[in-house]
């Protein structure tokens, strides 16, 4: 089983690199078509390409070095006291030893909803945040499963990927939105110049740029969501490797599936970081949108874990809880 985990991690890192390259190329292509379409010259296209890539790089650097602090602040997380939350620290410490990781900073989110997330640029600069609802409504085995899942994100460098790719996708959306606004509100001068010369090619490129500006953010977001869902499956499997107890994580997933509370501090910019999607509460996720969900359905995650121990699949999270009683 260990070799399977390592193969998955290697494939995950390779796919993450390829996705990052694809997003950079998409950003460059968007800048090139926008620049040429508006200016009618290669020089103009090169200029906007350089601008687009620079924006992406600067945003990525800010995210790399300060992104975790921004996410923690936006989530209302504050440092958890080891004296007050001794069991939480005990669970985190024992699993970091099992994963051969440095001890992350531990944060608390004052919310009755059950959830958690990990963030940071690498294992040496990582943090884990959990809600008070998760600590008060789950038993130790369930908390252990959730923490194992989040530490797997740290060990697999998912935390770095989430910060960087999230910023790249945001940069593409920002650049596309700027271009669309400029085209419709301030781009008339470039159109009039087209009519004086050989503007046919420029008009075609401008049309392509418009289409790309509309589709690029959607495509980038869909690819990000698809990769995010695969990372959740891998983190679940890796958590079992750390805890040696798939039942605890299965039960945690089933318990969260029945949680009707909404995490107040969550938003669409941070939803992909959490253990379970804090925004899409569809009972849970038996039929969430496969295209736009940042997480796979909880029942699917449960069944993959059950397969690891040779147990039959369940049709709903409630069946998982019933199976434990």
Protein backbone atom coordinates (compact mmCIF):
# COMPACT_ATOMS: atom_id res chain seq x y z
CA UNK A 1 0.00 0.00 0.00
CA UNK A 2 2.89 2.36 0.79
CA UNK A 3 4.18 2.17 -2.77
CA UNK A 4 0.71 3.10 -4.01
CA UNK A 5 0.70 6.20 -1.79
CA UNK A 6 4.13 7.27 -3.02
CA UNK A 7 3.14 6.69 -6.65
CA UNK A 8 0.06 8.85 -6.13
CA UNK A 9 2.09 11.58 -4.48
CA UNK A 10 4.64 11.55 -7.35
CA UNK A 11 1.87 11.73 -9.94
CA UNK A 12 0.16 14.48 -7.98
CA UNK A 13 3.31 16.61 -7.85
CA UNK A 14 3.94 16.04 -11.56
CA UNK A 15 0.39 17.03 -12.45
CA UNK A 16 0.65 20.07 -10.21
CA UNK A 17 3.75 21.23 -12.06
CA UNK A 18 2.08 20.72 -15.42
CA UNK A 19 -0.99 22.60 -14.25
CA UNK A 20 1.16 25.49 -13.08
CA UNK A 21 2.91 25.63 -16.46
CA UNK A 22 -0.45 25.49 -18.26
CA UNK A 23 -1.82 28.36 -16.19
CA UNK A 24 1.27 30.50 -16.89
CA UNK A 25 0.95 29.79 -20.62
CA UNK A 26 -2.74 30.65 -20.48
CA UNK A 27 -1.91 33.91 -18.74
CA UNK A 28 0.71 34.70 -21.40
CA UNK A 29 -1.66 33.80 -24.26
CA UNK A 30 -4.34 35.99 -22.78
CA UNK A 31 -1.92 38.91 -22.51
CA UNK A 32 -0.63 38.40 -26.06
CA UNK A 33 -4.04 38.25 -27.74
CA UNK A 34 -5.33 41.18 -25.73
CA UNK A 35 -2.31 43.32 -26.57
CA UNK A 36 -2.29 42.51 -30.27
CA UNK A 37 -6.05 42.80 -30.57
CA UNK A 38 -6.10 46.27 -29.04
CA UNK A 39 -2.90 47.69 -30.56
CA UNK A 40 -2.62 45.83 -33.85
CA UNK A 41 1.12 45.37 -33.34
CA UNK A 42 3.41 42.64 -32.08
CA UNK A 43 5.11 45.18 -29.81
CA UNK A 44 1.79 45.90 -28.12
CA UNK A 45 1.19 42.18 -27.69
CA UNK A 46 4.62 41.64 -26.16
CA UNK A 47 4.03 44.50 -23.75
CA UNK A 48 0.73 43.17 -22.44
CA UNK A 49 2.15 39.64 -22.29
CA UNK A 50 5.01 40.84 -20.11
CA UNK A 51 2.53 42.79 -17.97
CA UNK A 52 0.22 39.79 -17.56
CA UNK A 53 3.02 37.41 -16.61
CA UNK A 54 4.54 40.00 -14.25
CA UNK A 55 1.21 40.45 -12.49
CA UNK A 56 0.95 36.69 -12.07
CA UNK A 57 4.52 36.35 -10.75
CA UNK A 58 4.16 39.24 -8.29
CA UNK A 59 0.85 37.87 -7.05
CA UNK A 60 2.41 34.41 -6.71
CA UNK A 61 5.34 35.79 -4.70
CA UNK A 62 3.03 37.67 -2.35
CA UNK A 63 0.95 34.53 -1.97
CA UNK A 64 4.04 32.37 -1.39
CA UNK A 65 5.41 34.48 1.44
CA UNK A 66 2.28 36.03 2.96
CA UNK A 67 -0.61 33.94 1.65
CA UNK A 68 -0.98 31.80 4.78
CA UNK A 69 -1.25 34.86 7.02
CA UNK A 70 -3.84 36.39 4.71
CA UNK A 71 -5.89 33.18 4.69
CA UNK A 72 -5.74 32.79 8.48
CA UNK A 73 -6.74 36.41 9.03
CA UNK A 74 -9.58 36.15 6.50
CA UNK A 75 -10.82 33.02 8.27
CA UNK A 76 -10.87 34.64 11.70
CA UNK A 77 -8.34 32.13 13.03
CA UNK A 78 -6.38 32.83 16.21
CA UNK A 79 -3.63 30.82 17.94
CA UNK A 80 -4.93 27.95 20.06
CA UNK A 81 -3.62 27.66 23.60
CA UNK A 82 -1.94 24.32 24.32
CA UNK A 83 -3.07 24.48 27.93
CA UNK A 84 -6.72 24.87 26.91
CA UNK A 85 -6.66 22.49 23.94
CA UNK A 86 -4.25 19.82 25.16
CA UNK A 87 -5.97 16.95 23.31
CA UNK A 88 -5.82 18.81 19.99
CA UNK A 89 -2.11 19.45 20.43
CA UNK A 90 -1.59 15.83 21.44
CA UNK A 91 -3.28 14.60 18.25
CA UNK A 92 -1.36 17.02 16.04
CA UNK A 93 1.94 16.16 17.69
CA UNK A 94 1.56 12.38 17.42
CA UNK A 95 0.59 12.60 13.74
CA UNK A 96 3.42 14.98 12.86
CA UNK A 97 5.79 12.42 14.36
CA UNK A 98 4.16 9.68 12.29
CA UNK A 99 4.43 11.83 9.14
CA UNK A 100 8.00 12.95 9.97
CA UNK A 101 6.89 16.59 9.81
CA UNK A 102 7.78 19.61 11.94
CA UNK A 103 5.07 20.74 14.34
CA UNK A 104 2.73 23.18 12.56
CA UNK A 105 1.24 26.23 14.21
CA UNK A 106 -2.23 25.43 15.56
CA UNK A 107 -5.11 27.88 15.19
CA UNK A 108 -8.71 27.95 16.28
CA UNK A 109 -11.78 29.30 14.48
CA UNK A 110 -14.64 30.22 16.81
CA UNK A 111 -17.52 28.66 14.90
CA UNK A 112 -19.97 25.87 15.72
CA UNK A 113 -19.65 24.38 12.21
CA UNK A 114 -17.32 21.36 11.92
CA UNK A 115 -14.35 21.99 9.63
CA UNK A 116 -10.59 22.47 9.39
CA UNK A 117 -7.89 23.47 6.93
CA UNK A 118 -4.12 23.57 6.52
CA UNK A 119 -2.12 26.33 4.88
CA UNK A 120 1.47 27.50 4.38
CA UNK A 121 4.21 27.39 1.76
CA UNK A 122 5.96 24.23 3.01
CA UNK A 123 6.01 21.88 6.02
CA UNK A 124 8.42 24.19 7.87
CA UNK A 125 5.99 27.11 7.50
CA UNK A 126 2.64 25.39 7.91
CA UNK A 127 -0.44 26.01 10.02
CA UNK A 128 -3.55 24.02 10.85
CA UNK A 129 -6.83 25.68 11.82
CA UNK A 130 -9.84 23.85 13.28
CA UNK A 131 -13.26 25.08 14.32
CA UNK A 132 -14.50 24.88 17.88
CA UNK A 133 -17.49 22.96 16.55
CA UNK A 134 -15.24 20.18 15.27
CA UNK A 135 -13.49 19.84 18.63
CA UNK A 136 -16.68 19.80 20.69
CA UNK A 137 -18.80 17.57 18.43
CA UNK A 138 -16.30 14.93 17.34
CA UNK A 139 -14.56 12.24 19.36
CA UNK A 140 -10.80 11.76 19.42
CA UNK A 141 -10.73 9.19 16.59
CA UNK A 142 -12.69 11.50 14.31
CA UNK A 143 -10.50 14.50 15.15
CA UNK A 144 -7.47 12.31 14.48
CA UNK A 145 -8.82 11.44 11.02
CA UNK A 146 -9.40 15.10 10.16
CA UNK A 147 -5.98 16.20 11.41
CA UNK A 148 -4.36 13.30 9.53
CA UNK A 149 -6.07 14.51 6.36
CA UNK A 150 -4.85 18.09 6.84
CA UNK A 151 -1.30 17.02 7.69
CA UNK A 152 -1.33 14.95 4.50
CA UNK A 153 -1.99 18.17 2.61
CA UNK A 154 1.09 19.59 4.34
CA UNK A 155 3.25 16.54 3.60
CA UNK A 156 2.11 16.37 -0.03
CA UNK A 157 2.79 20.12 -0.53
CA UNK A 158 -0.86 20.67 -1.41
CA UNK A 159 -0.77 23.77 0.78
CA UNK A 160 1.78 25.46 -1.49
CA UNK A 161 -0.12 24.44 -4.61
CA UNK A 162 -3.39 25.78 -3.24
CA UNK A 163 -1.89 29.17 -2.49
CA UNK A 164 0.01 29.60 -5.75
CA UNK A 165 -2.54 28.22 -8.19
CA UNK A 166 -5.33 30.07 -6.44
CA UNK A 167 -3.48 33.31 -7.06
CA UNK A 168 -2.73 32.40 -10.68
CA UNK A 169 -6.39 31.62 -11.35
CA UNK A 170 -7.34 34.89 -9.69
CA UNK A 171 -4.82 36.77 -11.83
CA UNK A 172 -6.30 35.31 -15.01
CA UNK A 173 -9.79 36.28 -13.92
CA UNK A 174 -8.62 39.80 -12.98
CA UNK A 175 -6.83 40.35 -16.29
CA UNK A 176 -9.78 39.02 -18.29
CA UNK A 177 -12.21 41.24 -16.40
CA UNK A 178 -10.01 44.30 -16.98
CA UNK A 179 -9.80 43.57 -20.70
CA UNK A 180 -13.54 43.09 -21.05
CA UNK A 181 -14.25 46.32 -19.22
CA UNK A 182 -11.66 48.22 -21.27
CA UNK A 183 -12.97 46.81 -24.54
CA UNK A 184 -16.56 47.79 -23.89
CA UNK A 185 -15.92 51.12 -22.19
CA UNK A 186 -12.58 52.42 -23.42
CA UNK A 187 -11.56 50.48 -26.51
CA UNK A 188 -13.21 52.53 -29.21
CA UNK A 189 -10.01 54.23 -30.27
CA UNK A 190 -8.41 50.95 -31.29
CA UNK A 191 -11.46 50.05 -33.36
CA UNK A 192 -11.38 53.30 -35.33
CA UNK A 193 -7.72 52.79 -36.16
CA UNK A 194 -8.55 49.36 -37.53
CA UNK A 195 -10.76 50.91 -40.19
CA UNK A 196 -7.85 52.93 -41.63
CA UNK A 197 -5.53 50.06 -42.47
CA UNK A 198 -5.30 46.35 -42.69
CA UNK A 199 -7.47 45.84 -39.66
CA UNK A 200 -9.01 42.52 -40.64
CA UNK A 201 -6.39 40.44 -38.82
CA UNK A 202 -6.53 42.71 -35.83
CA UNK A 203 -10.30 42.39 -35.66
CA UNK A 204 -10.03 38.60 -35.80
CA UNK A 205 -7.44 38.57 -33.05
CA UNK A 206 -9.56 40.99 -31.04
CA UNK A 207 -12.52 38.62 -31.37
CA UNK A 208 -10.33 35.71 -30.30
CA UNK A 209 -9.12 37.77 -27.35
CA UNK A 210 -12.68 38.49 -26.33
CA UNK A 211 -13.58 34.80 -26.45
CA UNK A 212 -10.40 33.87 -24.57
CA UNK A 213 -11.05 36.55 -21.96
CA UNK A 214 -14.46 35.03 -21.31
CA UNK A 215 -13.43 31.37 -21.40
CA UNK A 216 -9.95 31.49 -19.84
CA UNK A 217 -11.06 32.17 -16.25
CA UNK A 218 -13.73 29.48 -16.51
CA UNK A 219 -11.29 26.93 -17.94
CA UNK A 220 -8.63 27.76 -15.35
CA UNK A 221 -11.16 27.44 -12.54
CA UNK A 222 -12.49 24.10 -13.80
CA UNK A 223 -8.99 22.64 -14.05
CA UNK A 224 -8.20 23.89 -10.55
CA UNK A 225 -11.36 22.32 -9.16
CA UNK A 226 -10.66 18.99 -10.84
CA UNK A 227 -7.16 18.86 -9.37
CA UNK A 228 -8.46 19.97 -5.95
CA UNK A 229 -10.88 17.03 -5.88
CA UNK A 230 -8.11 14.55 -6.69
CA UNK A 231 -6.01 16.02 -3.90
CA UNK A 232 -8.81 15.39 -1.42
CA UNK A 233 -8.90 11.70 -2.33
CA UNK A 234 -5.12 11.47 -1.96
CA UNK A 235 -5.15 13.27 1.40
CA UNK A 236 -7.82 10.85 2.67
CA UNK A 237 -5.71 7.86 1.65
CA UNK A 238 -2.57 9.41 3.14
CA UNK A 239 -4.42 10.10 6.40
CA UNK A 240 -5.18 6.39 6.71
CA UNK A 241 -1.49 5.68 6.25
CA UNK A 242 -0.71 8.02 9.16
CA UNK A 243 -3.48 6.99 11.55
CA UNK A 244 -3.74 3.29 10.57
CA UNK A 245 -7.44 3.76 11.22
CA UNK A 246 -9.74 4.40 8.23
CA UNK A 247 -12.84 4.11 10.43
CA UNK A 248 -12.09 7.34 12.31
CA UNK A 249 -11.87 9.34 9.08
CA UNK A 250 -14.91 7.59 7.62
CA UNK A 251 -16.94 8.49 10.68
CA UNK A 252 -15.67 12.10 10.60
CA UNK A 253 -16.79 12.45 6.99
CA UNK A 254 -20.21 10.98 7.81
CA UNK A 255 -20.58 13.24 10.84
CA UNK A 256 -19.75 16.35 8.82
CA UNK A 257 -22.21 15.23 6.15
CA UNK A 258 -25.00 15.62 8.69
CA UNK A 259 -23.81 19.06 9.81
CA UNK A 260 -26.30 21.74 8.76
CA UNK A 261 -24.28 24.64 10.16
CA UNK A 262 -22.70 27.08 7.73
CA UNK A 263 -19.16 28.26 8.38
CA UNK A 264 -19.68 32.02 8.55
CA UNK A 265 -16.09 33.05 7.81
CA UNK A 266 -15.72 30.89 4.68
CA UNK A 267 -15.93 32.36 1.18
CA UNK A 268 -15.34 31.24 -2.40
CA UNK A 269 -11.71 32.32 -2.26
CA UNK A 270 -10.92 29.99 0.65
CA UNK A 271 -13.50 27.20 0.29
CA UNK A 272 -11.08 24.84 -1.48
CA UNK A 273 -8.75 24.84 1.54
CA UNK A 274 -11.19 23.23 3.96
CA UNK A 275 -11.58 19.58 4.93
CA UNK A 276 -15.14 19.72 3.59
CA UNK A 277 -16.60 22.39 1.32
CA UNK A 278 -18.00 24.91 3.83
CA UNK A 279 -20.29 26.61 1.30
CA UNK A 280 -21.95 23.80 -0.66
CA UNK A 281 -24.27 22.08 1.79
CA UNK A 282 -26.31 19.78 -0.40
CA UNK A 283 -27.10 17.18 2.07
CA UNK A 284 -23.95 16.41 1.83
CA UNK A 285 -22.80 16.24 -1.59
CA UNK A 286 -24.61 13.24 -2.83
CA UNK A 287 -25.17 15.18 -6.00
CA UNK A 288 -23.13 18.37 -5.91
CA UNK A 289 -22.13 19.90 -9.20
CA UNK A 290 -19.27 17.77 -10.49
CA UNK A 291 -18.02 20.75 -12.46
CA UNK A 292 -18.00 23.46 -9.81
CA UNK A 293 -17.43 21.64 -6.51
CA UNK A 294 -14.00 22.01 -4.91
CA UNK A 295 -14.47 18.68 -3.11
CA UNK A 296 -15.71 15.24 -4.15
CA UNK A 297 -19.02 14.06 -2.62
CA UNK A 298 -18.50 12.90 0.95
CA UNK A 299 -20.15 9.57 0.25
CA UNK A 300 -17.58 8.94 -2.50
CA UNK A 301 -14.75 9.75 -0.11
CA UNK A 302 -16.25 7.38 2.47
CA UNK A 303 -16.56 4.55 -0.06
CA UNK A 304 -12.96 4.92 -1.22
CA UNK A 305 -11.85 4.56 2.37
CA UNK A 306 -14.10 1.53 2.86
CA UNK A 307 -12.51 -0.06 -0.19
CA UNK A 308 -9.10 0.22 1.49
CA UNK A 309 -10.29 -2.14 4.23
CA UNK A 310 -12.43 -4.35 2.01
CA UNK A 311 -15.78 -3.11 3.33
CA UNK A 312 -18.84 -2.83 1.05
CA UNK A 313 -19.85 0.59 -0.27
CA UNK A 314 -22.64 2.60 1.33
CA UNK A 315 -25.30 4.62 -0.44
CA UNK A 316 -25.25 7.56 1.96
CA UNK A 317 -23.21 8.96 4.86
CA UNK A 318 -26.03 7.96 7.21
CA UNK A 319 -25.39 4.31 6.35
CA UNK A 320 -21.77 4.75 7.41
CA UNK A 321 -22.87 6.02 10.83
CA UNK A 322 -25.45 3.22 11.14
CA UNK A 323 -22.74 0.67 10.30
CA UNK A 324 -20.69 1.89 13.29
CA UNK A 325 -23.51 1.57 15.80
